[in-house]
Amino acid sequence: MRTFRGHRKKHIGVPRGMLRPITMILLKEKPMSGSEIAEEIEYYADWKPSPGSIYPLLNSLHENGLIEPSEDSDPSLKRFILTKKGEEELEAHRDQHRGIRKGRTNMRKVYWRLFRRMPEEVYESFSSLLDRIEEIYDEIENVDQFKHILDETIIELEKMDKRQNE
């Protein structure tokens, strides 16, 4: 665990109720075992779900016909893949993603405005930038150009910080 000012930092993990859709999204992409799912989630979320969370979830998804075992060349691993029914359920829950985004946006405002004391006008620009990135990201064709714009923005912020600290 990481430490902060001498205290142990508790990993928060993914929001409650998100393990199921995250697992289904991963299984839509490719066949995976429980341990592979946990490792993939850890890569994205800096939190690794326990086997006691993953395996009962996989059993439930399988019993409900949302996933099925995948034919695999490695008999030591039991990999699963999302079924057509699972894909339909995942699509039906897209509205849940909007709710997650709204909750995250609310927490963002509390953090930056209250805890960090960011002025309202700065927060509005900052928040608008993040919202715009979320709105257009799926439509971006030139990812390299997008990354370049973000990198240039970081460089400008670092220059500003350096000037202020001289």
N, C-alpha and C. Protein backbone atom coordinates (compact mmCIF):
# COMPACT_ATOMS: atom_id res chain seq x y z
N MET A 1 0.83 -1.19 0.00
CA MET A 1 0.00 0.00 0.00
C MET A 1 0.87 1.24 0.00
N ARG A 2 0.38 2.26 -0.62
CA ARG A 2 1.11 3.51 -0.65
C ARG A 2 0.91 4.25 0.66
N THR A 3 1.87 5.09 0.98
CA THR A 3 1.72 5.88 2.19
C THR A 3 1.58 7.34 1.83
N PHE A 4 0.92 8.07 2.68
CA PHE A 4 0.73 9.50 2.52
C PHE A 4 0.90 10.14 3.89
N ARG A 5 1.95 10.95 4.01
CA ARG A 5 2.26 11.61 5.28
C ARG A 5 2.32 10.62 6.44
N GLY A 6 2.92 9.48 6.17
CA GLY A 6 3.10 8.50 7.22
C GLY A 6 1.91 7.60 7.50
N HIS A 7 0.80 7.83 6.83
CA HIS A 7 -0.39 7.00 7.04
C HIS A 7 -0.54 6.02 5.89
N ARG A 8 -1.14 4.90 6.18
CA ARG A 8 -1.40 3.92 5.13
C ARG A 8 -2.62 4.37 4.33
N LYS A 9 -2.47 4.35 3.03
CA LYS A 9 -3.56 4.76 2.16
C LYS A 9 -4.43 3.56 1.82
N LYS A 10 -5.70 3.68 2.04
CA LYS A 10 -6.62 2.61 1.72
C LYS A 10 -7.02 2.72 0.24
N HIS A 11 -6.90 1.60 -0.48
CA HIS A 11 -7.35 1.59 -1.86
C HIS A 11 -8.86 1.65 -1.88
N ILE A 12 -9.40 2.52 -2.69
CA ILE A 12 -10.84 2.68 -2.76
C ILE A 12 -11.45 1.66 -3.71
N GLY A 13 -10.77 1.35 -4.81
CA GLY A 13 -11.31 0.41 -5.78
C GLY A 13 -12.32 1.06 -6.69
N VAL A 14 -13.07 0.24 -7.38
CA VAL A 14 -14.08 0.76 -8.29
C VAL A 14 -15.35 1.03 -7.51
N PRO A 15 -16.19 1.94 -8.00
CA PRO A 15 -17.44 2.22 -7.29
C PRO A 15 -18.30 0.97 -7.15
N ARG A 16 -19.06 0.94 -6.09
CA ARG A 16 -19.94 -0.20 -5.80
C ARG A 16 -20.83 -0.49 -7.01
N GLY A 17 -20.95 -1.75 -7.33
CA GLY A 17 -21.80 -2.15 -8.45
C GLY A 17 -21.14 -2.10 -9.81
N MET A 18 -19.88 -1.69 -9.87
CA MET A 18 -19.21 -1.55 -11.16
C MET A 18 -18.43 -2.79 -11.59
N LEU A 19 -18.18 -3.71 -10.67
CA LEU A 19 -17.39 -4.89 -11.03
C LEU A 19 -18.09 -5.71 -12.12
N ARG A 20 -19.38 -5.84 -12.02
CA ARG A 20 -20.15 -6.62 -13.01
C ARG A 20 -20.02 -6.02 -14.42
N PRO A 21 -20.37 -4.73 -14.63
CA PRO A 21 -20.24 -4.20 -15.99
C PRO A 21 -18.80 -4.15 -16.49
N ILE A 22 -17.85 -3.88 -15.60
CA ILE A 22 -16.45 -3.87 -16.01
C ILE A 22 -16.04 -5.25 -16.50
N THR A 23 -16.42 -6.28 -15.76
CA THR A 23 -16.10 -7.66 -16.14
C THR A 23 -16.74 -8.00 -17.48
N MET A 24 -17.98 -7.59 -17.67
CA MET A 24 -18.66 -7.88 -18.93
C MET A 24 -18.01 -7.16 -20.10
N ILE A 25 -17.59 -5.92 -19.89
CA ILE A 25 -16.89 -5.18 -20.95
C ILE A 25 -15.60 -5.90 -21.33
N LEU A 26 -14.85 -6.34 -20.33
CA LEU A 26 -13.60 -7.04 -20.61
C LEU A 26 -13.85 -8.35 -21.36
N LEU A 27 -14.90 -9.08 -20.98
CA LEU A 27 -15.19 -10.35 -21.63
C LEU A 27 -15.79 -10.17 -23.02
N LYS A 28 -16.29 -8.99 -23.31
CA LYS A 28 -16.75 -8.70 -24.67
C LYS A 28 -15.55 -8.57 -25.60
N GLU A 29 -14.44 -8.05 -25.06
CA GLU A 29 -13.24 -7.83 -25.87
C GLU A 29 -12.53 -9.12 -26.23
N LYS A 30 -12.41 -10.03 -25.25
CA LYS A 30 -11.68 -11.28 -25.50
C LYS A 30 -11.95 -12.27 -24.37
N PRO A 31 -11.72 -13.56 -24.62
CA PRO A 31 -11.89 -14.55 -23.55
C PRO A 31 -10.85 -14.32 -22.45
N MET A 32 -11.30 -14.42 -21.21
CA MET A 32 -10.41 -14.21 -20.07
C MET A 32 -10.79 -15.13 -18.92
N SER A 33 -9.80 -15.44 -18.10
CA SER A 33 -10.03 -16.20 -16.86
C SER A 33 -10.26 -15.20 -15.73
N GLY A 34 -10.67 -15.71 -14.59
CA GLY A 34 -10.88 -14.84 -13.43
C GLY A 34 -9.62 -14.09 -13.04
N SER A 35 -8.49 -14.77 -13.02
CA SER A 35 -7.23 -14.10 -12.64
C SER A 35 -6.83 -13.06 -13.68
N GLU A 36 -7.08 -13.34 -14.95
CA GLU A 36 -6.77 -12.36 -16.00
C GLU A 36 -7.66 -11.13 -15.89
N ILE A 37 -8.92 -11.34 -15.55
CA ILE A 37 -9.84 -10.22 -15.35
C ILE A 37 -9.35 -9.35 -14.20
N ALA A 38 -8.98 -9.97 -13.08
CA ALA A 38 -8.50 -9.22 -11.91
C ALA A 38 -7.26 -8.41 -12.27
N GLU A 39 -6.34 -9.01 -13.02
CA GLU A 39 -5.12 -8.29 -13.42
C GLU A 39 -5.43 -7.14 -14.36
N GLU A 40 -6.35 -7.33 -15.27
CA GLU A 40 -6.73 -6.28 -16.21
C GLU A 40 -7.39 -5.11 -15.47
N ILE A 41 -8.25 -5.43 -14.52
CA ILE A 41 -8.89 -4.37 -13.72
C ILE A 41 -7.83 -3.63 -12.93
N GLU A 42 -6.89 -4.34 -12.36
CA GLU A 42 -5.81 -3.69 -11.60
C GLU A 42 -5.02 -2.74 -12.50
N TYR A 43 -4.78 -3.13 -13.73
CA TYR A 43 -4.06 -2.28 -14.68
C TYR A 43 -4.80 -0.96 -14.90
N TYR A 44 -6.11 -1.02 -15.06
CA TYR A 44 -6.90 0.17 -15.35
C TYR A 44 -7.28 0.96 -14.10
N ALA A 45 -7.51 0.29 -12.99
CA ALA A 45 -8.11 0.95 -11.82
C ALA A 45 -7.19 1.07 -10.62
N ASP A 46 -5.98 0.55 -10.69
CA ASP A 46 -5.07 0.58 -9.54
C ASP A 46 -5.71 -0.08 -8.32
N TRP A 47 -6.49 -1.09 -8.57
CA TRP A 47 -7.16 -1.88 -7.53
C TRP A 47 -7.40 -3.26 -8.10
N LYS A 48 -7.11 -4.28 -7.33
CA LYS A 48 -7.29 -5.64 -7.81
C LYS A 48 -8.40 -6.32 -7.02
N PRO A 49 -9.48 -6.68 -7.70
CA PRO A 49 -10.55 -7.37 -6.98
C PRO A 49 -10.08 -8.73 -6.49
N SER A 50 -10.61 -9.14 -5.37
CA SER A 50 -10.21 -10.42 -4.77
C SER A 50 -10.87 -11.58 -5.51
N PRO A 51 -10.28 -12.77 -5.40
CA PRO A 51 -10.92 -13.95 -5.97
C PRO A 51 -12.33 -14.15 -5.41
N GLY A 52 -12.54 -13.73 -4.16
CA GLY A 52 -13.85 -13.83 -3.53
C GLY A 52 -14.89 -12.91 -4.15
N SER A 53 -14.44 -11.94 -4.93
CA SER A 53 -15.36 -11.08 -5.68
C SER A 53 -15.54 -11.57 -7.10
N ILE A 54 -14.42 -11.93 -7.73
CA ILE A 54 -14.44 -12.29 -9.15
C ILE A 54 -15.16 -13.61 -9.42
N TYR A 55 -14.80 -14.68 -8.69
CA TYR A 55 -15.33 -16.00 -9.04
C TYR A 55 -16.82 -16.16 -8.77
N PRO A 56 -17.36 -15.66 -7.66
CA PRO A 56 -18.82 -15.71 -7.52
C PRO A 56 -19.54 -14.90 -8.61
N LEU A 57 -18.93 -13.77 -9.01
CA LEU A 57 -19.52 -12.98 -10.09
C LEU A 57 -19.53 -13.77 -11.40
N LEU A 58 -18.41 -14.41 -11.72
CA LEU A 58 -18.35 -15.22 -12.94
C LEU A 58 -19.39 -16.34 -12.90
N ASN A 59 -19.54 -16.98 -11.75
CA ASN A 59 -20.56 -18.04 -11.62
C ASN A 59 -21.96 -17.49 -11.87
N SER A 60 -22.25 -16.33 -11.30
CA SER A 60 -23.57 -15.71 -11.47
C SER A 60 -23.81 -15.34 -12.94
N LEU A 61 -22.81 -14.73 -13.57
CA LEU A 61 -22.95 -14.36 -14.98
C LEU A 61 -23.17 -15.60 -15.85
N HIS A 62 -22.47 -16.68 -15.52
CA HIS A 62 -22.62 -17.93 -16.28
C HIS A 62 -24.00 -18.54 -16.06
N GLU A 63 -24.46 -18.59 -14.81
CA GLU A 63 -25.78 -19.14 -14.50
C GLU A 63 -26.90 -18.37 -15.20
N ASN A 64 -26.68 -17.07 -15.39
CA ASN A 64 -27.69 -16.23 -16.04
C ASN A 64 -27.54 -16.18 -17.55
N GLY A 65 -26.61 -16.96 -18.09
CA GLY A 65 -26.44 -17.04 -19.54
C GLY A 65 -25.78 -15.83 -20.17
N LEU A 66 -25.10 -15.02 -19.35
CA LEU A 66 -24.47 -13.80 -19.87
C LEU A 66 -23.04 -14.04 -20.35
N ILE A 67 -22.41 -15.10 -19.83
CA ILE A 67 -21.09 -15.50 -20.29
C ILE A 67 -21.10 -17.01 -20.48
N GLU A 68 -20.13 -17.50 -21.23
CA GLU A 68 -20.00 -18.94 -21.42
C GLU A 68 -18.52 -19.30 -21.49
N PRO A 69 -18.19 -20.54 -21.15
CA PRO A 69 -16.80 -20.96 -21.26
C PRO A 69 -16.32 -20.84 -22.71
N SER A 70 -15.08 -20.48 -22.86
CA SER A 70 -14.47 -20.32 -24.18
C SER A 70 -13.55 -21.50 -24.44
N GLU A 71 -13.59 -22.00 -25.66
CA GLU A 71 -12.64 -23.05 -26.05
C GLU A 71 -11.26 -22.44 -25.99
N ASP A 72 -10.34 -23.12 -25.32
CA ASP A 72 -9.02 -22.53 -25.13
C ASP A 72 -7.94 -23.57 -25.31
N SER A 73 -6.78 -23.10 -25.76
CA SER A 73 -5.66 -24.01 -25.95
C SER A 73 -4.98 -24.36 -24.63
N ASP A 74 -5.26 -23.59 -23.59
CA ASP A 74 -4.66 -23.84 -22.28
C ASP A 74 -5.72 -24.46 -21.36
N PRO A 75 -5.68 -25.78 -21.18
CA PRO A 75 -6.71 -26.44 -20.36
C PRO A 75 -6.62 -26.11 -18.87
N SER A 76 -5.51 -25.50 -18.44
CA SER A 76 -5.38 -25.17 -17.01
C SER A 76 -6.14 -23.90 -16.65
N LEU A 77 -6.55 -23.12 -17.67
CA LEU A 77 -7.31 -21.89 -17.42
C LEU A 77 -8.73 -22.03 -17.95
N LYS A 78 -9.68 -21.62 -17.13
CA LYS A 78 -11.07 -21.62 -17.58
C LYS A 78 -11.40 -20.18 -17.97
N ARG A 79 -11.42 -19.94 -19.27
CA ARG A 79 -11.71 -18.60 -19.77
C ARG A 79 -13.18 -18.52 -20.18
N PHE A 80 -13.71 -17.30 -20.07
CA PHE A 80 -15.10 -17.05 -20.44
C PHE A 80 -15.15 -15.96 -21.50
N ILE A 81 -16.26 -15.95 -22.22
CA ILE A 81 -16.53 -14.92 -23.22
C ILE A 81 -17.98 -14.48 -23.04
N LEU A 82 -18.27 -13.24 -23.38
CA LEU A 82 -19.62 -12.71 -23.28
C LEU A 82 -20.51 -13.36 -24.34
N THR A 83 -21.72 -13.73 -23.96
CA THR A 83 -22.69 -14.30 -24.90
C THR A 83 -23.46 -13.16 -25.58
N LYS A 84 -24.26 -13.52 -26.56
CA LYS A 84 -25.13 -12.54 -27.22
C LYS A 84 -26.06 -11.90 -26.19
N LYS A 85 -26.60 -12.71 -25.30
CA LYS A 85 -27.48 -12.20 -24.23
C LYS A 85 -26.70 -11.22 -23.35
N GLY A 86 -25.44 -11.53 -23.05
CA GLY A 86 -24.61 -10.64 -22.26
C GLY A 86 -24.36 -9.32 -22.96
N GLU A 87 -24.13 -9.38 -24.27
CA GLU A 87 -23.92 -8.15 -25.05
C GLU A 87 -25.18 -7.29 -25.03
N GLU A 88 -26.34 -7.93 -25.14
CA GLU A 88 -27.60 -7.19 -25.10
C GLU A 88 -27.81 -6.52 -23.75
N GLU A 89 -27.49 -7.23 -22.67
CA GLU A 89 -27.63 -6.64 -21.33
C GLU A 89 -26.66 -5.47 -21.15
N LEU A 90 -25.45 -5.64 -21.63
CA LEU A 90 -24.46 -4.58 -21.52
C LEU A 90 -24.93 -3.33 -22.25
N GLU A 91 -25.48 -3.51 -23.43
CA GLU A 91 -25.99 -2.39 -24.22
C GLU A 91 -27.17 -1.73 -23.51
N ALA A 92 -28.02 -2.53 -22.88
CA ALA A 92 -29.19 -2.00 -22.19
C ALA A 92 -28.81 -1.15 -20.98
N HIS A 93 -27.62 -1.35 -20.46
CA HIS A 93 -27.19 -0.61 -19.27
C HIS A 93 -26.29 0.57 -19.59
N ARG A 94 -26.30 1.03 -20.82
CA ARG A 94 -25.47 2.19 -21.19
C ARG A 94 -25.85 3.43 -20.40
N ASP A 95 -27.12 3.55 -20.03
CA ASP A 95 -27.56 4.70 -19.24
C ASP A 95 -26.86 4.74 -17.89
N GLN A 96 -26.47 3.58 -17.38
CA GLN A 96 -25.75 3.52 -16.11
C GLN A 96 -24.43 4.28 -16.23
N HIS A 97 -23.83 4.25 -17.41
CA HIS A 97 -22.57 4.96 -17.62
C HIS A 97 -22.77 6.47 -17.46
N ARG A 98 -23.92 6.97 -17.91
CA ARG A 98 -24.21 8.40 -17.75
C ARG A 98 -24.33 8.76 -16.27
N GLY A 99 -24.94 7.86 -15.50
CA GLY A 99 -25.06 8.09 -14.06
C GLY A 99 -23.71 8.10 -13.38
N ILE A 100 -22.83 7.22 -13.81
CA ILE A 100 -21.47 7.19 -13.26
C ILE A 100 -20.76 8.49 -13.57
N ARG A 101 -20.91 8.94 -14.80
CA ARG A 101 -20.25 10.20 -15.22
C ARG A 101 -20.77 11.37 -14.38
N LYS A 102 -22.07 11.42 -14.16
CA LYS A 102 -22.64 12.52 -13.36
C LYS A 102 -22.10 12.48 -11.94
N GLY A 103 -22.05 11.29 -11.35
CA GLY A 103 -21.51 11.16 -9.99
C GLY A 103 -20.06 11.58 -9.92
N ARG A 104 -19.29 11.18 -10.93
CA ARG A 104 -17.88 11.55 -10.97
C ARG A 104 -17.73 13.07 -11.14
N THR A 105 -18.58 13.66 -11.97
CA THR A 105 -18.54 15.11 -12.17
C THR A 105 -18.86 15.84 -10.87
N ASN A 106 -19.84 15.34 -10.13
CA ASN A 106 -20.18 15.96 -8.84
C ASN A 106 -19.01 15.86 -7.87
N MET A 107 -18.37 14.69 -7.81
CA MET A 107 -17.21 14.52 -6.92
C MET A 107 -16.05 15.39 -7.36
N ARG A 108 -15.88 15.53 -8.67
CA ARG A 108 -14.82 16.40 -9.19
C ARG A 108 -15.02 17.82 -8.68
N LYS A 109 -16.25 18.30 -8.74
CA LYS A 109 -16.52 19.67 -8.30
C LYS A 109 -16.27 19.82 -6.80
N VAL A 110 -16.73 18.87 -6.02
CA VAL A 110 -16.49 18.94 -4.57
C VAL A 110 -15.00 18.98 -4.30
N TYR A 111 -14.25 18.10 -4.96
CA TYR A 111 -12.80 18.03 -4.72
C TYR A 111 -12.12 19.35 -5.10
N TRP A 112 -12.32 19.80 -6.33
CA TRP A 112 -11.59 20.98 -6.79
C TRP A 112 -12.10 22.28 -6.17
N ARG A 113 -13.40 22.44 -6.02
CA ARG A 113 -13.93 23.70 -5.49
C ARG A 113 -13.80 23.76 -3.97
N LEU A 114 -14.09 22.69 -3.28
CA LEU A 114 -14.09 22.71 -1.83
C LEU A 114 -12.73 22.37 -1.25
N PHE A 115 -12.20 21.21 -1.58
CA PHE A 115 -10.93 20.78 -0.99
C PHE A 115 -9.73 21.55 -1.52
N ARG A 116 -9.71 21.82 -2.81
CA ARG A 116 -8.56 22.50 -3.41
C ARG A 116 -8.78 24.01 -3.54
N ARG A 117 -9.98 24.47 -3.28
CA ARG A 117 -10.33 25.90 -3.31
C ARG A 117 -10.06 26.54 -4.67
N MET A 118 -10.37 25.82 -5.73
CA MET A 118 -10.21 26.35 -7.08
C MET A 118 -11.29 27.40 -7.33
N PRO A 119 -10.92 28.59 -7.83
CA PRO A 119 -11.93 29.61 -8.12
C PRO A 119 -12.96 29.09 -9.14
N GLU A 120 -14.19 29.54 -9.00
CA GLU A 120 -15.29 29.07 -9.84
C GLU A 120 -14.98 29.20 -11.33
N GLU A 121 -14.46 30.35 -11.75
CA GLU A 121 -14.21 30.56 -13.18
C GLU A 121 -13.11 29.62 -13.71
N VAL A 122 -12.12 29.31 -12.88
CA VAL A 122 -11.08 28.37 -13.29
C VAL A 122 -11.67 26.96 -13.33
N TYR A 123 -12.47 26.63 -12.33
CA TYR A 123 -13.11 25.31 -12.31
C TYR A 123 -13.99 25.12 -13.54
N GLU A 124 -14.74 26.13 -13.92
CA GLU A 124 -15.63 26.01 -15.08
C GLU A 124 -14.84 25.69 -16.34
N SER A 125 -13.70 26.35 -16.54
CA SER A 125 -12.86 26.07 -17.71
C SER A 125 -12.28 24.66 -17.62
N PHE A 126 -11.77 24.31 -16.46
CA PHE A 126 -11.18 22.99 -16.23
C PHE A 126 -12.21 21.89 -16.47
N SER A 127 -13.38 22.07 -15.89
CA SER A 127 -14.45 21.08 -16.02
C SER A 127 -14.94 20.98 -17.46
N SER A 128 -15.04 22.12 -18.13
CA SER A 128 -15.47 22.12 -19.53
C SER A 128 -14.48 21.37 -20.41
N LEU A 129 -13.19 21.52 -20.12
CA LEU A 129 -12.17 20.79 -20.88
C LEU A 129 -12.35 19.29 -20.70
N LEU A 130 -12.48 18.84 -19.46
CA LEU A 130 -12.65 17.40 -19.21
C LEU A 130 -13.95 16.87 -19.84
N ASP A 131 -15.03 17.65 -19.72
CA ASP A 131 -16.30 17.22 -20.31
C ASP A 131 -16.18 17.12 -21.83
N ARG A 132 -15.50 18.09 -22.43
CA ARG A 132 -15.34 18.08 -23.89
C ARG A 132 -14.52 16.88 -24.35
N ILE A 133 -13.48 16.56 -23.60
CA ILE A 133 -12.67 15.38 -23.93
C ILE A 133 -13.55 14.13 -23.90
N GLU A 134 -14.38 14.01 -22.88
CA GLU A 134 -15.27 12.84 -22.78
C GLU A 134 -16.27 12.80 -23.94
N GLU A 135 -16.76 13.97 -24.34
CA GLU A 135 -17.75 14.02 -25.42
C GLU A 135 -17.17 13.61 -26.76
N ILE A 136 -15.94 14.01 -27.05
CA ILE A 136 -15.38 13.78 -28.38
C ILE A 136 -14.46 12.57 -28.48
N TYR A 137 -14.05 12.01 -27.36
CA TYR A 137 -13.01 10.98 -27.39
C TYR A 137 -13.32 9.81 -28.32
N ASP A 138 -14.53 9.30 -28.27
CA ASP A 138 -14.88 8.15 -29.10
C ASP A 138 -14.86 8.46 -30.59
N GLU A 139 -14.94 9.74 -30.94
CA GLU A 139 -14.98 10.15 -32.34
C GLU A 139 -13.61 10.58 -32.86
N ILE A 140 -12.61 10.63 -32.00
CA ILE A 140 -11.28 11.08 -32.41
C ILE A 140 -10.66 10.06 -33.36
N GLU A 141 -10.26 10.54 -34.52
CA GLU A 141 -9.63 9.66 -35.51
C GLU A 141 -8.12 9.68 -35.39
N ASN A 142 -7.56 10.84 -35.04
CA ASN A 142 -6.11 10.96 -34.96
C ASN A 142 -5.70 11.02 -33.48
N VAL A 143 -5.50 9.86 -32.90
CA VAL A 143 -5.15 9.76 -31.48
C VAL A 143 -3.79 10.42 -31.22
N ASP A 144 -2.86 10.30 -32.16
CA ASP A 144 -1.54 10.92 -31.98
C ASP A 144 -1.66 12.44 -31.88
N GLN A 145 -2.51 13.03 -32.71
CA GLN A 145 -2.71 14.48 -32.66
C GLN A 145 -3.36 14.87 -31.33
N PHE A 146 -4.33 14.10 -30.89
CA PHE A 146 -4.99 14.36 -29.62
C PHE A 146 -3.98 14.31 -28.48
N LYS A 147 -3.14 13.29 -28.46
CA LYS A 147 -2.10 13.16 -27.43
C LYS A 147 -1.13 14.33 -27.50
N HIS A 148 -0.78 14.75 -28.71
CA HIS A 148 0.14 15.88 -28.87
C HIS A 148 -0.45 17.16 -28.25
N ILE A 149 -1.73 17.40 -28.48
CA ILE A 149 -2.39 18.58 -27.90
C ILE A 149 -2.35 18.51 -26.38
N LEU A 150 -2.64 17.35 -25.83
CA LEU A 150 -2.59 17.20 -24.37
C LEU A 150 -1.17 17.39 -23.85
N ASP A 151 -0.18 16.81 -24.53
CA ASP A 151 1.22 16.95 -24.11
C ASP A 151 1.66 18.41 -24.16
N GLU A 152 1.25 19.14 -25.19
CA GLU A 152 1.60 20.56 -25.30
C GLU A 152 0.96 21.36 -24.16
N THR A 153 -0.24 21.02 -23.80
CA THR A 153 -0.91 21.69 -22.69
C THR A 153 -0.16 21.44 -21.39
N ILE A 154 0.28 20.22 -21.18
CA ILE A 154 1.07 19.89 -19.99
C ILE A 154 2.36 20.69 -19.95
N ILE A 155 3.03 20.79 -21.09
CA ILE A 155 4.28 21.57 -21.17
C ILE A 155 4.03 23.02 -20.79
N GLU A 156 2.96 23.60 -21.30
CA GLU A 156 2.63 25.00 -20.98
C GLU A 156 2.33 25.17 -19.49
N LEU A 157 1.62 24.22 -18.90
CA LEU A 157 1.34 24.29 -17.46
C LEU A 157 2.63 24.16 -16.65
N GLU A 158 3.53 23.30 -17.08
CA GLU A 158 4.82 23.16 -16.39
C GLU A 158 5.65 24.43 -16.50
N LYS A 159 5.62 25.09 -17.66
CA LYS A 159 6.33 26.37 -17.82
C LYS A 159 5.75 27.41 -16.87
N MET A 160 4.44 27.47 -16.78
CA MET A 160 3.79 28.42 -15.89
C MET A 160 4.19 28.15 -14.45
N ASP A 161 4.20 26.89 -14.06
CA ASP A 161 4.59 26.51 -12.70
C ASP A 161 6.04 26.90 -12.43
N LYS A 162 6.90 26.67 -13.39
CA LYS A 162 8.32 26.99 -13.23
C LYS A 162 8.50 28.50 -13.06
N ARG A 163 7.79 29.30 -13.86
CA ARG A 163 7.90 30.77 -13.75
C ARG A 163 7.42 31.25 -12.38
N GLN A 164 6.36 30.63 -11.88
CA GLN A 164 5.82 31.04 -10.58
C GLN A 164 6.75 30.66 -9.44
N ASN A 165 7.53 29.62 -9.63
CA ASN A 165 8.43 29.15 -8.57
C ASN A 165 9.83 29.73 -8.66
N GLU A 166 10.06 30.66 -9.58
CA GLU A 166 11.39 31.28 -9.69
C GLU A 166 11.55 32.40 -8.70
